[in-house]
C-alpha atoms as a PDB file:
ATOM      1  CA  MET A   1     -43.336 -11.341  46.781  1.00  0.00           C
ATOM      2  CA  GLU A   2     -43.606 -12.718  43.191  1.00  0.00           C
ATOM      3  CA  ILE A   3     -40.762 -13.800  40.692  1.00  0.00           C
ATOM      4  CA  ARG A   4     -41.027 -10.856  38.557  1.00  0.00           C
ATOM      5  CA  GLU A   5     -40.124  -8.438  41.555  1.00  0.00           C
ATOM      6  CA  LEU A   6     -37.051 -10.516  42.330  1.00  0.00           C
ATOM      7  CA  ALA A   7     -35.650  -9.519  39.176  1.00  0.00           C
ATOM      8  CA  THR A   8     -34.926  -6.158  40.013  1.00  0.00           C
ATOM      9  CA  ILE A   9     -33.568  -6.649  43.357  1.00  0.00           C
ATOM     10  CA  PRO A  10     -29.501  -6.061  43.370  1.00  0.00           C
ATOM     11  CA  VAL A  11     -27.507  -9.455  44.936  1.00  0.00           C
ATOM     12  CA  LEU A  12     -24.464  -9.279  47.052  1.00  0.00           C
ATOM     13  CA  VAL A  13     -22.403 -12.052  47.794  1.00  0.00           C
ATOM     14  CA  LEU A  14     -19.547 -11.705  50.650  1.00  0.00           C
ATOM     15  CA  ALA A  15     -17.252 -14.360  50.558  1.00  0.00           C
ATOM     16  CA  ASN A  16     -15.770 -13.606  53.889  1.00  0.00           C
ATOM     17  CA  LYS A  17     -13.355 -15.251  55.299  1.00  0.00           C
ATOM     18  CA  ILE A  18     -10.568 -14.618  52.780  1.00  0.00           C
ATOM     19  CA  ASP A  19      -7.937 -14.535  55.665  1.00  0.00           C
ATOM     20  CA  LYS A  20      -8.233 -18.153  56.312  1.00  0.00           C
ATOM     21  CA  LYS A  21      -6.590 -20.691  53.435  1.00  0.00           C
ATOM     22  CA  PRO A  22      -7.868 -22.286  51.694  1.00  0.00           C
ATOM     23  CA  HIS A  23     -11.105 -20.321  50.669  1.00  0.00           C
ATOM     24  CA  VAL A  24     -13.434 -20.004  48.066  1.00  0.00           C
ATOM     25  CA  THR A  25     -12.003 -17.672  45.097  1.00  0.00           C
ATOM     26  CA  GLU A  26     -14.474 -14.742  43.294  1.00  0.00           C
ATOM     27  CA  PRO A  27     -14.609 -17.015  40.153  1.00  0.00           C
ATOM     28  CA  GLU A  28     -15.322 -20.174  41.704  1.00  0.00           C
ATOM     29  CA  LEU A  29     -18.226 -18.326  43.422  1.00  0.00           C
ATOM     30  CA  ILE A  30     -19.572 -17.071  40.410  1.00  0.00           C
ATOM     31  CA  LEU A  31     -19.223 -20.323  38.822  1.00  0.00           C
ATOM     32  CA  GLU A  32     -21.140 -22.601  41.575  1.00  0.00           C
ATOM     33  CA  LEU A  33     -24.000 -19.907  42.354  1.00  0.00           C
ATOM     34  CA  ASN A  34     -24.293 -19.363  38.239  1.00  0.00           C
ATOM     35  CA  LEU A  35     -24.119 -15.728  38.722  1.00  0.00           C
ATOM     36  CA  ASP A  36     -23.043 -15.104  34.954  1.00  0.00           C
ATOM     37  CA  TYR A  37     -26.705 -16.053  34.557  1.00  0.00           C
ATOM     38  CA  ILE A  38     -28.397 -13.309  36.358  1.00  0.00           C
ATOM     39  CA  VAL A  39     -28.729 -10.550  33.965  1.00  0.00           C
ATOM     40  CA  ASP A  40     -31.797  -8.788  34.995  1.00  0.00           C
ATOM     41  CA  ASN A  41     -30.496  -7.012  38.002  1.00  0.00           C
ATOM     42  CA  PRO A  42     -27.003  -6.055  39.416  1.00  0.00           C
ATOM     43  CA  TRP A  43     -24.831  -8.528  41.413  1.00  0.00           C
ATOM     44  CA  LEU A  44     -21.667  -8.221  42.730  1.00  0.00           C
ATOM     45  CA  VAL A  45     -19.078 -11.025  44.754  1.00  0.00           C
ATOM     46  CA  ILE A  46     -16.560  -9.389  47.466  1.00  0.00           C
ATOM     47  CA  PRO A  47     -13.851 -10.997  48.830  1.00  0.00           C
ATOM     48  CA  CYS A  48     -13.671  -9.943  52.457  1.00  0.00           C
ATOM     49  CA  SER A  49     -12.166 -10.106  55.912  1.00  0.00           C
ATOM     50  CA  ALA A  50     -14.374  -8.678  58.497  1.00  0.00           C
ATOM     51  CA  LEU A  51     -11.573  -9.546  60.865  1.00  0.00           C
ATOM     52  CA  LYS A  52      -9.083  -7.884  59.011  1.00  0.00           C
ATOM     53  CA  ASN A  53     -11.130  -5.070  57.584  1.00  0.00           C
ATOM     54  CA  ILE A  54     -10.690  -6.208  53.850  1.00  0.00           C
ATOM     55  CA  ASN A  55     -13.042  -5.016  51.409  1.00  0.00           C
ATOM     56  CA  ILE A  56     -15.792  -3.577  54.214  1.00  0.00           C
ATOM     57  CA  THR A  57     -15.349  -0.114  52.674  1.00  0.00           C
ATOM     58  CA  SER A  58     -16.303  -1.518  49.026  1.00  0.00           C
ATOM     59  CA  VAL A  59     -19.000  -3.564  50.762  1.00  0.00           C
ATOM     60  CA  VAL A  60     -20.619  -0.531  52.065  1.00  0.00           C
ATOM     61  CA  GLU A  61     -20.253   1.645  48.873  1.00  0.00           C
ATOM     62  CA  TRP A  62     -21.875  -0.928  46.933  1.00  0.00           C
ATOM     63  CA  LEU A  63     -24.927  -1.183  49.204  1.00  0.00           C
ATOM     64  CA  VAL A  64     -25.132   2.615  49.654  1.00  0.00           C
ATOM     65  CA  HIS A  65     -24.892   2.762  45.668  1.00  0.00           C
ATOM     66  CA  GLN A  66     -27.577   0.398  45.038  1.00  0.00           C
ATOM     67  CA  GLY A  67     -30.080   2.208  47.839  1.00  0.00           C
ATOM     68  CA  LYS A  68     -29.940   5.491  44.930  1.00  0.00           C
END
């Protein structure tokens, strides 16, 4: 795969384990991963807890939307 092809691929970052303290916040992840520099493709950070089923629906909805 060429670099140009990657420019159209959506990026989803799941910040799992938000039920644990301390945990990395969404703004911290955006800063550390330099996500605000990605301008050619959609990206999203979703804080979640698989154990407590927090934001799992949001993850699925975003993935379905990107597949259209």
